[in-house]
Amino acid sequence: MLSCVVPAPAHGNGLYRWQDTEGRWHFSDRAPAQQNAEDVAARYQQPDAPDIRIETRDYVLPTRLQQRLEVTVTRVFSIYRHTLAVNMPTDMPFEIMLYGDANAFRQYQRQVAPRLENPAGFFNGMNGRITALALDDHDALLRLITHECSHAIAARQAGYMPIWLNEGLAEYFSQLQIYGLTAEIPVAAHWLQQLRGAPPAPGVLRHNVDARHEVWQAQAARGGNYAISWSLVWFLMDTAEGRQLLRDLLARVANDPRPLTDSSAFIDDHWPGGFAALELAWQQWLPRASGRHRY
């Protein structure tokens, strides 16, 4: 069995940009050998980025994929910190394990997370590590890692995060796309299609945000819990008042030892017009939802 550890580049290393003969801009942490390049690291350094450690089993991690993983995970942490005001410790390493052999991955998954139903990856709160099968589809692998990265950040909060918020944020961040130095999160077309094909009835949103963990999970397979939770997070991230509500929710989770089991009551106290007004605005937004968030 082959095992190797791929360290992330140290913070403060160069970040170079250059323009090719067709006018396209390129970015890399290594200066090109035969091209004039500008070091722009000082503009884009993120001192609050975690120490990302990627370990592999029976898998040779392509350099390009390693870079995409590092940039994507770093950006998720940055958005949590700067947009959602989640203060994350930077002295704790962020670990990712990639398995190249499906049987070895499944054996490990059964040992540490036997209740999961044939996942391609998961976050283990006991060791603080994301473990995933190295999918051939690198875009799908990035979405998977990004989803689990959000769960890892949620797990580092002091209190219990409601499952709708935990999964809604994870699905939101799973759509993250990096273009050079720009990050964008578009609406998830597959979730919108599901919601528009079967519009949620009045009261469904309240049931979703107040459902206990085991009830929410049991209904997720046959219902639209993931779609509804994703859509509510995207809707809230779309406005200043919505982002403030998310910050308030996350602060409540981090600072109060009592589990947040009544999200609708919390929203009643923190949204103009209460939960009923939020639900109405969300229902009106769904048919016209479009666009992307840029970070």
Protein backbone atom coordinates (compact mmCIF):
# COMPACT_ATOMS: atom_id res chain seq x y z
CA MET A 1 0.00 0.00 0.00
CA LEU A 2 1.42 3.39 -1.00
CA SER A 3 0.99 6.32 1.36
CA CYS A 4 2.26 9.82 0.91
CA VAL A 5 1.67 13.23 2.42
CA VAL A 6 1.45 16.25 0.15
CA PRO A 7 2.11 19.46 2.09
CA ALA A 8 0.39 22.67 1.04
CA PRO A 9 2.58 25.60 0.02
CA ALA A 10 3.55 27.74 2.98
CA HIS A 11 1.64 31.00 3.38
CA GLY A 12 3.51 33.94 1.99
CA ASN A 13 4.97 32.09 -1.03
CA GLY A 14 4.83 33.81 -4.39
CA LEU A 15 1.65 34.08 -6.45
CA TYR A 16 2.49 34.91 -10.05
CA ARG A 17 0.40 36.16 -12.92
CA TRP A 18 1.29 36.55 -16.56
CA GLN A 19 -0.41 37.07 -19.90
CA ASP A 20 0.03 34.73 -22.83
CA THR A 21 0.25 35.66 -26.50
CA GLU A 22 -3.55 35.45 -26.85
CA GLY A 23 -4.15 37.88 -24.02
CA ARG A 24 -5.30 35.33 -21.43
CA TRP A 25 -4.18 35.74 -17.83
CA HIS A 26 -2.62 32.84 -15.91
CA PHE A 27 -1.95 32.44 -12.19
CA SER A 28 0.38 30.02 -10.40
CA ASP A 29 2.42 29.68 -7.21
CA ARG A 30 5.46 29.04 -9.44
CA ALA A 31 6.97 31.60 -11.79
CA PRO A 32 7.08 30.43 -15.43
CA ALA A 33 10.57 29.72 -16.76
CA GLN A 34 10.27 31.61 -20.05
CA GLN A 35 7.73 34.29 -19.32
CA ASN A 36 7.76 37.65 -17.56
CA ALA A 37 5.50 37.32 -14.54
CA GLU A 38 4.36 39.63 -11.76
CA ASP A 39 4.38 38.46 -8.12
CA VAL A 40 0.97 39.51 -6.76
CA ALA A 41 1.07 37.48 -3.55
CA ALA A 42 1.01 40.53 -1.29
CA ARG A 43 -2.38 41.57 -2.70
CA TYR A 44 -4.10 38.26 -2.10
CA GLN A 45 -2.47 36.70 0.95
CA GLN A 46 -5.00 35.27 3.39
CA PRO A 47 -3.27 35.09 6.79
CA ASP A 48 -6.30 33.37 8.26
CA ALA A 49 -6.05 30.38 5.90
CA PRO A 50 -5.62 26.97 7.52
CA ASP A 51 -2.65 24.64 7.23
CA ILE A 52 -4.00 22.23 4.61
CA ARG A 53 -2.57 18.71 4.71
CA ILE A 54 -3.52 16.22 2.01
CA GLU A 55 -2.65 12.57 2.56
CA THR A 56 -3.17 9.81 0.00
CA ARG A 57 -3.54 6.03 0.02
CA ASP A 58 -2.83 4.13 -3.22
CA TYR A 59 -3.21 7.33 -5.17
CA VAL A 60 -0.88 9.81 -6.85
CA LEU A 61 -2.38 13.25 -6.45
CA PRO A 62 -2.07 15.32 -9.67
CA THR A 63 -0.39 18.66 -9.06
CA ARG A 64 -3.21 20.59 -10.69
CA LEU A 65 -5.82 18.88 -8.52
CA GLN A 66 -3.74 19.54 -5.40
CA GLN A 67 -3.66 23.23 -6.24
CA ARG A 68 -7.39 23.35 -6.90
CA LEU A 69 -8.11 21.62 -3.59
CA GLU A 70 -5.91 24.02 -1.65
CA VAL A 71 -7.34 27.13 -3.29
CA THR A 72 -10.94 25.94 -2.90
CA VAL A 73 -10.64 24.95 0.77
CA THR A 74 -8.83 28.20 1.57
CA ARG A 75 -11.59 30.21 -0.07
CA VAL A 76 -14.32 28.40 1.88
CA PHE A 77 -12.55 29.28 5.14
CA SER A 78 -12.17 32.87 3.96
CA ILE A 79 -15.89 33.25 3.16
CA TYR A 80 -16.85 31.76 6.50
CA ARG A 81 -14.55 34.19 8.29
CA HIS A 82 -15.15 37.39 6.36
CA THR A 83 -18.77 37.03 5.19
CA LEU A 84 -20.27 34.94 7.98
CA ALA A 85 -18.03 36.19 10.82
CA VAL A 86 -17.02 32.68 11.92
CA ASN A 87 -13.72 32.89 13.76
CA MET A 88 -11.78 29.74 13.01
CA PRO A 89 -8.52 28.77 14.72
CA THR A 90 -5.64 28.79 12.25
CA ASP A 91 -3.25 26.75 14.41
CA MET A 92 -5.19 23.52 13.77
CA PRO A 93 -4.29 21.65 10.55
CA PHE A 94 -7.03 20.90 8.06
CA GLU A 95 -6.63 17.29 6.95
CA ILE A 96 -7.88 15.54 3.84
CA MET A 97 -7.35 11.84 3.08
CA LEU A 98 -7.83 10.59 -0.49
CA TYR A 99 -8.13 6.86 -1.23
CA GLY A 100 -7.32 5.53 -4.68
CA ASP A 101 -8.64 2.03 -3.95
CA ALA A 102 -12.42 1.82 -3.55
CA ASN A 103 -12.33 -1.37 -1.45
CA ALA A 104 -9.81 0.11 1.00
CA PHE A 105 -11.89 3.27 1.26
CA ARG A 106 -15.07 1.31 1.92
CA GLN A 107 -13.35 -0.80 4.56
CA TYR A 108 -12.16 2.32 6.38
CA GLN A 109 -15.58 3.94 6.05
CA ARG A 110 -17.28 0.91 7.64
CA GLN A 111 -14.85 1.09 10.54
CA VAL A 112 -15.26 4.76 11.40
CA ALA A 113 -18.65 5.71 9.88
CA PRO A 114 -20.73 2.53 9.49
CA ARG A 115 -24.08 4.33 9.40
CA LEU A 116 -23.31 6.20 6.21
CA GLU A 117 -24.95 4.73 3.13
CA ASN A 118 -22.29 4.19 0.49
CA PRO A 119 -20.89 7.74 0.48
CA ALA A 120 -18.00 8.82 -1.68
CA GLY A 121 -16.65 10.88 1.20
CA PHE A 122 -17.36 12.06 4.72
CA PHE A 123 -16.11 14.19 7.57
CA ASN A 124 -15.11 12.35 10.74
CA GLY A 125 -15.60 14.53 13.79
CA MET A 126 -13.55 12.17 15.95
CA ASN A 127 -10.27 12.84 14.13
CA GLY A 128 -11.26 16.07 12.36
CA ARG A 129 -10.45 14.65 8.93
CA ILE A 130 -12.21 14.58 5.58
CA THR A 131 -11.87 11.20 3.87
CA ALA A 132 -12.91 10.66 0.27
CA LEU A 133 -12.55 8.31 -2.66
CA ALA A 134 -10.36 9.92 -5.34
CA LEU A 135 -13.03 10.23 -8.02
CA ASP A 136 -11.93 10.35 -11.65
CA ASP A 137 -14.21 13.35 -12.10
CA HIS A 138 -12.12 16.04 -10.44
CA ASP A 139 -14.97 18.58 -10.50
CA ALA A 140 -17.19 16.13 -8.62
CA LEU A 141 -14.37 15.45 -6.15
CA LEU A 142 -13.97 19.17 -5.52
CA ARG A 143 -17.70 19.54 -4.87
CA LEU A 144 -17.55 16.64 -2.44
CA ILE A 145 -14.53 18.00 -0.55
CA THR A 146 -16.03 21.49 -0.43
CA HIS A 147 -19.30 20.12 0.98
CA GLU A 148 -17.42 18.22 3.69
CA CYS A 149 -15.18 21.23 4.36
CA SER A 150 -18.27 23.17 5.36
CA HIS A 151 -19.23 20.36 7.73
CA ALA A 152 -15.73 20.43 9.23
CA ILE A 153 -16.04 24.16 9.93
CA ALA A 154 -19.47 23.63 11.48
CA ALA A 155 -18.08 20.89 13.71
CA ARG A 156 -15.46 23.27 15.10
CA GLN A 157 -18.17 25.55 16.46
CA ALA A 158 -18.85 25.24 20.17
CA GLY A 159 -22.53 24.38 20.00
CA TYR A 160 -24.96 22.21 18.06
CA MET A 161 -25.78 23.48 14.58
CA PRO A 162 -29.28 22.65 13.28
CA ILE A 163 -29.10 20.15 10.46
CA TRP A 164 -30.92 22.38 7.97
CA LEU A 165 -28.25 25.06 8.46
CA ASN A 166 -25.39 22.56 8.44
CA GLU A 167 -26.51 20.85 5.22
CA GLY A 168 -27.76 24.04 3.61
CA LEU A 169 -24.38 25.72 4.01
CA ALA A 170 -22.57 22.57 2.83
CA GLU A 171 -24.69 22.41 -0.33
CA TYR A 172 -24.23 26.13 -0.89
CA PHE A 173 -20.44 25.89 -0.71
CA SER A 174 -20.35 22.71 -2.80
CA GLN A 175 -21.18 24.89 -5.84
CA LEU A 176 -18.07 27.06 -5.34
CA GLN A 177 -16.19 27.80 -8.55
CA ILE A 178 -12.76 29.43 -8.80
CA TYR A 179 -11.79 31.60 -11.77
CA GLY A 180 -8.29 32.95 -11.29
CA LEU A 181 -8.55 35.02 -8.12
CA THR A 182 -12.33 35.22 -8.20
CA ALA A 183 -14.67 32.81 -6.44
CA GLU A 184 -18.29 32.45 -7.50
CA ILE A 185 -21.20 30.43 -6.15
CA PRO A 186 -24.05 30.08 -8.69
CA VAL A 187 -27.53 28.82 -7.95
CA ALA A 188 -27.69 25.03 -8.00
CA ALA A 189 -29.78 24.24 -11.09
CA HIS A 190 -30.64 20.69 -9.96
CA TRP A 191 -32.09 21.88 -6.64
CA LEU A 192 -34.02 24.70 -8.31
CA GLN A 193 -35.48 22.28 -10.84
CA GLN A 194 -36.66 20.02 -8.02
CA LEU A 195 -38.25 22.86 -6.07
CA ARG A 196 -39.93 24.39 -9.09
CA GLY A 197 -41.26 21.01 -10.21
CA ALA A 198 -42.88 20.47 -6.82
CA PRO A 199 -43.25 23.88 -5.13
CA PRO A 200 -43.09 23.61 -1.31
CA ALA A 201 -46.46 23.95 0.39
CA PRO A 202 -47.00 26.55 3.12
CA GLY A 203 -45.51 25.33 6.38
CA VAL A 204 -42.88 23.12 4.75
CA LEU A 205 -40.08 25.62 5.39
CA ARG A 206 -40.92 25.87 9.09
CA HIS A 207 -41.00 22.09 9.36
CA ASN A 208 -37.62 21.88 7.63
CA VAL A 209 -35.82 24.32 9.93
CA ASP A 210 -37.35 22.93 13.13
CA ALA A 211 -37.01 19.20 12.38
CA ARG A 212 -34.83 17.19 14.74
CA HIS A 213 -31.69 15.70 13.23
CA GLU A 214 -32.98 12.13 12.96
CA VAL A 215 -36.36 13.24 11.57
CA TRP A 216 -34.74 15.53 9.01
CA GLN A 217 -32.40 12.75 7.86
CA ALA A 218 -35.17 10.16 7.66
CA GLN A 219 -37.25 12.44 5.45
CA ALA A 220 -34.36 13.69 3.30
CA ALA A 221 -34.26 10.60 1.08
CA ARG A 222 -37.88 10.94 -0.03
CA GLY A 223 -38.37 14.67 0.39
CA GLY A 224 -36.72 17.90 -0.63
CA ASN A 225 -34.93 18.70 2.60
CA TYR A 226 -31.56 19.23 0.95
CA ALA A 227 -33.08 21.37 -1.79
CA ILE A 228 -35.08 23.47 0.67
CA SER A 229 -32.14 23.97 3.02
CA TRP A 230 -29.80 24.88 0.16
CA SER A 231 -32.35 27.33 -1.25
CA LEU A 232 -32.89 29.07 2.08
CA VAL A 233 -29.15 29.55 2.59
CA TRP A 234 -28.71 30.86 -0.97
CA PHE A 235 -31.69 33.19 -0.51
CA LEU A 236 -30.21 34.56 2.72
CA MET A 237 -26.72 34.97 1.26
CA ASP A 238 -28.26 37.07 -1.51
CA THR A 239 -28.98 40.13 0.68
CA ALA A 240 -27.30 42.07 3.47
CA GLU A 241 -30.15 41.37 5.90
CA GLY A 242 -30.07 37.68 4.99
CA ARG A 243 -26.33 37.44 5.59
CA GLN A 244 -26.83 39.16 8.93
CA LEU A 245 -29.42 36.55 9.92
CA LEU A 246 -26.95 33.78 9.05
CA ARG A 247 -24.27 35.51 11.13
CA ASP A 248 -26.72 35.76 14.03
CA LEU A 249 -27.60 32.07 13.73
CA LEU A 250 -23.96 31.00 13.63
CA ALA A 251 -23.10 33.25 16.58
CA ARG A 252 -25.97 31.72 18.56
CA VAL A 253 -24.60 28.24 17.81
CA ALA A 254 -21.05 29.17 18.80
CA ASN A 255 -21.81 31.18 21.93
CA ASP A 256 -24.73 29.42 23.60
CA PRO A 257 -24.31 25.89 25.02
CA ARG A 258 -28.01 25.17 24.59
CA PRO A 259 -28.85 23.35 21.31
CA LEU A 260 -30.65 25.53 18.79
CA THR A 261 -33.71 23.34 18.26
CA ASP A 262 -36.22 26.06 17.34
CA SER A 263 -34.76 27.93 14.40
CA SER A 264 -38.16 29.35 13.42
CA ALA A 265 -38.53 31.02 16.83
CA PHE A 266 -35.03 32.47 16.52
CA ILE A 267 -35.88 33.80 13.05
CA ASP A 268 -39.10 35.27 14.44
CA ASP A 269 -36.96 37.43 16.72
CA HIS A 270 -34.31 38.39 14.16
CA TRP A 271 -36.14 38.92 10.84
CA PRO A 272 -38.38 41.92 10.06
CA GLY A 273 -41.94 40.59 10.19
CA GLY A 274 -40.82 37.28 11.69
CA PHE A 275 -40.67 33.83 10.16
CA ALA A 276 -43.92 34.25 8.20
CA ALA A 277 -42.44 37.24 6.35
CA LEU A 278 -39.25 35.31 5.62
CA GLU A 279 -41.17 32.33 4.26
CA LEU A 280 -43.27 34.55 2.00
CA ALA A 281 -40.19 36.33 0.62
CA TRP A 282 -38.47 32.97 0.05
CA GLN A 283 -41.50 31.55 -1.81
CA GLN A 284 -41.65 34.64 -4.02
CA TRP A 285 -37.94 34.37 -4.75
CA LEU A 286 -37.93 30.71 -5.82
CA PRO A 287 -39.58 31.15 -9.28
CA ARG A 288 -37.12 33.90 -10.23
CA ALA A 289 -33.99 32.68 -8.46
CA SER A 290 -30.91 33.12 -10.65
CA GLY A 291 -27.41 34.51 -10.70
CA ARG A 292 -24.28 33.90 -8.69
CA HIS A 293 -22.49 35.30 -5.66
CA ARG A 294 -18.99 36.61 -6.17
CA TYR A 295 -16.30 36.62 -3.48
